[in-house]
Amino acid sequence: MLNATLKAVSVAIALGFSSLSLAQSDDLPAGVNDRLNSMTPDQREKAKAKWESMSPEQREKAKAHHQEMKAKWESMTPEQREKAKARHQERKAKWDAMTPEQREKVRAHRSEMKAKWESMTPEQRKKAKAEMKERRQTQP
């Protein structure tokens, strides 16, 4: 779930910068121009609307997270980057293969899990993180 949240925020920041004019694109972090240029005009409009619907606090939080993720990416070895790219492509392929009903079911599950996470105490979250880490390490 944490990876999904991180991805959502990273996507939000990438989408958020689409509200800027392309003339201002020199101010954008590396890679965002490529993301903008790969979007259709309709996708850019949706991204702009999403960014503009965010509060200033949400935008700042998204920008800070984007910088954290950028630093993490830059600290990765080429092998780690390739593994992350492959994992992303695999997840995207699974998502793209889903029906709209299946996607909605996944979204509902994520919402339930987010609500559960937010209702946990810090101690419960720490324990849950440790359990998730252990599960990831035991997976092939």
C-alpha atoms as a PDB file:
ATOM      1  CA  MET A   1       0.000   0.000   0.000  1.00  0.00           C
ATOM      2  CA  LEU A   2       2.838   2.374   0.786  1.00  0.00           C
ATOM      3  CA  ASN A   3       4.273   1.891  -2.712  1.00  0.00           C
ATOM      4  CA  ALA A   4       0.888   2.705  -4.211  1.00  0.00           C
ATOM      5  CA  THR A   5       0.686   5.868  -2.133  1.00  0.00           C
ATOM      6  CA  LEU A   6       4.194   6.908  -3.103  1.00  0.00           C
ATOM      7  CA  LYS A   7       3.458   6.250  -6.747  1.00  0.00           C
ATOM      8  CA  ALA A   8       0.238   8.252  -6.556  1.00  0.00           C
ATOM      9  CA  VAL A   9       2.007  11.219  -5.051  1.00  0.00           C
ATOM     10  CA  SER A  10       4.830  10.995  -7.582  1.00  0.00           C
ATOM     11  CA  VAL A  11       2.318  10.865 -10.404  1.00  0.00           C
ATOM     12  CA  ALA A  12       0.467  13.802  -8.867  1.00  0.00           C
ATOM     13  CA  ILE A  13       3.606  15.882  -8.858  1.00  0.00           C
ATOM     14  CA  ALA A  14       4.413  14.930 -12.432  1.00  0.00           C
ATOM     15  CA  LEU A  15       0.858  15.693 -13.447  1.00  0.00           C
ATOM     16  CA  GLY A  16       0.816  18.816 -11.368  1.00  0.00           C
ATOM     17  CA  PHE A  17       3.635  20.405 -13.251  1.00  0.00           C
ATOM     18  CA  SER A  18       1.509  20.086 -16.366  1.00  0.00           C
ATOM     19  CA  SER A  19      -0.432  23.134 -15.198  1.00  0.00           C
ATOM     20  CA  LEU A  20       2.622  25.212 -16.025  1.00  0.00           C
ATOM     21  CA  SER A  21       3.024  26.471 -19.517  1.00  0.00           C
ATOM     22  CA  LEU A  22       5.601  24.638 -21.556  1.00  0.00           C
ATOM     23  CA  ALA A  23       7.399  27.965 -21.931  1.00  0.00           C
ATOM     24  CA  GLN A  24       8.226  27.724 -18.222  1.00  0.00           C
ATOM     25  CA  SER A  25       9.398  24.156 -18.574  1.00  0.00           C
ATOM     26  CA  ASP A  26      13.070  24.992 -17.859  1.00  0.00           C
ATOM     27  CA  ASP A  27      12.086  25.279 -14.183  1.00  0.00           C
ATOM     28  CA  LEU A  28      10.788  21.719 -14.053  1.00  0.00           C
ATOM     29  CA  PRO A  29      12.706  18.798 -12.569  1.00  0.00           C
ATOM     30  CA  ALA A  30      14.450  16.507 -15.012  1.00  0.00           C
ATOM     31  CA  GLY A  31      12.091  14.004 -16.572  1.00  0.00           C
ATOM     32  CA  VAL A  32       8.912  16.019 -16.134  1.00  0.00           C
ATOM     33  CA  ASN A  33       9.217  17.566 -19.600  1.00  0.00           C
ATOM     34  CA  ASP A  34       9.362  14.070 -21.090  1.00  0.00           C
ATOM     35  CA  ARG A  35       6.252  13.111 -19.123  1.00  0.00           C
ATOM     36  CA  LEU A  36       4.419  16.233 -20.329  1.00  0.00           C
ATOM     37  CA  ASN A  37       5.472  15.749 -23.919  1.00  0.00           C
ATOM     38  CA  SER A  38       4.278  12.150 -23.892  1.00  0.00           C
ATOM     39  CA  MET A  39       0.762  13.168 -22.787  1.00  0.00           C
ATOM     40  CA  THR A  40      -2.104  13.789 -25.131  1.00  0.00           C
ATOM     41  CA  PRO A  41      -3.789  17.215 -24.854  1.00  0.00           C
ATOM     42  CA  ASP A  42      -6.711  15.535 -23.077  1.00  0.00           C
ATOM     43  CA  GLN A  43      -4.372  13.931 -20.541  1.00  0.00           C
ATOM     44  CA  ARG A  44      -2.668  17.282 -19.935  1.00  0.00           C
ATOM     45  CA  GLU A  45      -6.038  18.941 -19.297  1.00  0.00           C
ATOM     46  CA  LYS A  46      -7.049  16.226 -16.815  1.00  0.00           C
ATOM     47  CA  ALA A  47      -3.678  16.522 -15.087  1.00  0.00           C
ATOM     48  CA  LYS A  48      -4.011  20.289 -14.904  1.00  0.00           C
ATOM     49  CA  ALA A  49      -7.491  19.996 -13.382  1.00  0.00           C
ATOM     50  CA  LYS A  50      -6.225  17.495 -10.808  1.00  0.00           C
ATOM     51  CA  TRP A  51      -3.286  19.713  -9.839  1.00  0.00           C
ATOM     52  CA  GLU A  52      -5.484  22.792  -9.582  1.00  0.00           C
ATOM     53  CA  SER A  53      -7.920  20.923  -7.327  1.00  0.00           C
ATOM     54  CA  MET A  54      -5.143  20.340  -4.790  1.00  0.00           C
ATOM     55  CA  SER A  55      -4.729  22.704  -1.855  1.00  0.00           C
ATOM     56  CA  PRO A  56      -1.453  24.656  -1.560  1.00  0.00           C
ATOM     57  CA  GLU A  57      -0.486  22.360   1.322  1.00  0.00           C
ATOM     58  CA  GLN A  58      -1.129  19.276  -0.794  1.00  0.00           C
ATOM     59  CA  ARG A  59       0.926  20.735  -3.618  1.00  0.00           C
ATOM     60  CA  GLU A  60       3.848  21.491  -1.318  1.00  0.00           C
ATOM     61  CA  LYS A  61       3.669  18.013   0.195  1.00  0.00           C
ATOM     62  CA  ALA A  62       3.609  16.489  -3.295  1.00  0.00           C
ATOM     63  CA  LYS A  63       6.571  18.602  -4.405  1.00  0.00           C
ATOM     64  CA  ALA A  64       8.582  17.602  -1.322  1.00  0.00           C
ATOM     65  CA  HIS A  65       7.765  13.953  -1.892  1.00  0.00           C
ATOM     66  CA  HIS A  66       8.755  14.263  -5.539  1.00  0.00           C
ATOM     67  CA  GLN A  67      12.155  15.606  -4.498  1.00  0.00           C
ATOM     68  CA  GLU A  68      12.584  12.726  -2.012  1.00  0.00           C
ATOM     69  CA  MET A  69      11.733  10.161  -4.666  1.00  0.00           C
ATOM     70  CA  LYS A  70      14.053  11.854  -7.158  1.00  0.00           C
ATOM     71  CA  ALA A  71      16.911  11.694  -4.656  1.00  0.00           C
ATOM     72  CA  LYS A  72      16.122   8.038  -3.925  1.00  0.00           C
ATOM     73  CA  TRP A  73      16.096   7.249  -7.664  1.00  0.00           C
ATOM     74  CA  GLU A  74      19.401   9.004  -8.209  1.00  0.00           C
ATOM     75  CA  SER A  75      20.969   7.032  -5.359  1.00  0.00           C
ATOM     76  CA  MET A  76      19.956   3.689  -6.913  1.00  0.00           C
ATOM     77  CA  THR A  77      22.382   1.521  -8.811  1.00  0.00           C
ATOM     78  CA  PRO A  78      21.604   0.801 -12.474  1.00  0.00           C
ATOM     79  CA  GLU A  79      20.523  -2.706 -11.461  1.00  0.00           C
ATOM     80  CA  GLN A  80      18.108  -1.351  -8.849  1.00  0.00           C
ATOM     81  CA  ARG A  81      16.669   1.058 -11.392  1.00  0.00           C
ATOM     82  CA  GLU A  82      16.111  -1.720 -13.913  1.00  0.00           C
ATOM     83  CA  LYS A  83      14.407  -3.847 -11.272  1.00  0.00           C
ATOM     84  CA  ALA A  84      12.148  -0.919 -10.306  1.00  0.00           C
ATOM     85  CA  LYS A  85      11.275  -0.251 -13.955  1.00  0.00           C
ATOM     86  CA  ALA A  86      10.442  -3.917 -14.542  1.00  0.00           C
ATOM     87  CA  ARG A  87       8.254  -4.003 -11.422  1.00  0.00           C
ATOM     88  CA  HIS A  88       6.431  -0.866 -12.593  1.00  0.00           C
ATOM     89  CA  GLN A  89       5.870  -2.286 -16.079  1.00  0.00           C
ATOM     90  CA  GLU A  90       4.525  -5.515 -14.612  1.00  0.00           C
ATOM     91  CA  ARG A  91       2.100  -3.659 -12.351  1.00  0.00           C
ATOM     92  CA  LYS A  92       0.992  -1.398 -15.192  1.00  0.00           C
ATOM     93  CA  ALA A  93       0.354  -4.397 -17.441  1.00  0.00           C
ATOM     94  CA  LYS A  94      -1.790  -6.006 -14.734  1.00  0.00           C
ATOM     95  CA  TRP A  95      -3.730  -2.748 -14.233  1.00  0.00           C
ATOM     96  CA  ASP A  96      -4.242  -2.280 -17.965  1.00  0.00           C
ATOM     97  CA  ALA A  97      -5.554  -5.843 -18.253  1.00  0.00           C
ATOM     98  CA  MET A  98      -8.247  -5.233 -15.626  1.00  0.00           C
ATOM     99  CA  THR A  99     -11.852  -4.497 -16.431  1.00  0.00           C
ATOM    100  CA  PRO A 100     -13.355  -1.243 -15.123  1.00  0.00           C
ATOM    101  CA  GLU A 101     -15.169  -3.281 -12.458  1.00  0.00           C
ATOM    102  CA  GLN A 102     -11.940  -4.896 -11.300  1.00  0.00           C
ATOM    103  CA  ARG A 103     -10.222  -1.509 -11.139  1.00  0.00           C
ATOM    104  CA  GLU A 104     -13.052  -0.106  -9.058  1.00  0.00           C
ATOM    105  CA  LYS A 105     -12.776  -3.055  -6.693  1.00  0.00           C
ATOM    106  CA  VAL A 106      -9.042  -2.375  -6.285  1.00  0.00           C
ATOM    107  CA  ARG A 107      -9.710   1.326  -5.665  1.00  0.00           C
ATOM    108  CA  ALA A 108     -12.315   0.474  -3.019  1.00  0.00           C
ATOM    109  CA  HIS A 109      -9.884  -1.909  -1.328  1.00  0.00           C
ATOM    110  CA  ARG A 110      -7.165   0.758  -1.319  1.00  0.00           C
ATOM    111  CA  SER A 111      -9.576   3.245   0.240  1.00  0.00           C
ATOM    112  CA  GLU A 112     -10.486   0.759   2.955  1.00  0.00           C
ATOM    113  CA  MET A 113      -6.833   0.023   3.662  1.00  0.00           C
ATOM    114  CA  LYS A 114      -5.993   3.734   3.769  1.00  0.00           C
ATOM    115  CA  ALA A 115      -8.779   4.370   6.279  1.00  0.00           C
ATOM    116  CA  LYS A 116      -7.569   1.445   8.379  1.00  0.00           C
ATOM    117  CA  TRP A 117      -3.973   2.748   8.256  1.00  0.00           C
ATOM    118  CA  GLU A 118      -5.017   6.249   9.263  1.00  0.00           C
ATOM    119  CA  SER A 119      -6.959   4.888  12.237  1.00  0.00           C
ATOM    120  CA  MET A 120      -3.893   3.043  13.594  1.00  0.00           C
ATOM    121  CA  THR A 121      -1.747   4.313  16.434  1.00  0.00           C
ATOM    122  CA  PRO A 122       1.944   4.981  15.699  1.00  0.00           C
ATOM    123  CA  GLU A 123       2.824   1.734  17.479  1.00  0.00           C
ATOM    124  CA  GLN A 124       0.380  -0.244  15.345  1.00  0.00           C
ATOM    125  CA  ARG A 125       1.778   1.345  12.185  1.00  0.00           C
ATOM    126  CA  LYS A 126       5.333   0.487  13.208  1.00  0.00           C
ATOM    127  CA  LYS A 127       4.322  -3.127  13.802  1.00  0.00           C
ATOM    128  CA  ALA A 128       2.458  -3.269  10.465  1.00  0.00           C
ATOM    129  CA  LYS A 129       5.466  -1.849   8.610  1.00  0.00           C
ATOM    130  CA  ALA A 130       7.720  -4.486  10.151  1.00  0.00           C
ATOM    131  CA  GLU A 131       5.286  -7.238   9.131  1.00  0.00           C
ATOM    132  CA  MET A 132       5.072  -5.896   5.563  1.00  0.00           C
ATOM    133  CA  LYS A 133       8.859  -5.708   5.336  1.00  0.00           C
ATOM    134  CA  GLU A 134       9.166  -9.289   6.543  1.00  0.00           C
ATOM    135  CA  ARG A 135       6.585 -10.482   3.990  1.00  0.00           C
ATOM    136  CA  ARG A 136       8.419  -8.717   1.150  1.00  0.00           C
ATOM    137  CA  GLN A 137      11.703 -10.296   2.150  1.00  0.00           C
ATOM    138  CA  THR A 138      10.244 -13.808   2.205  1.00  0.00           C
ATOM    139  CA  GLN A 139       8.600 -13.462  -1.215  1.00  0.00           C
ATOM    140  CA  PRO A 140      10.522 -15.018  -4.136  1.00  0.00           C
END
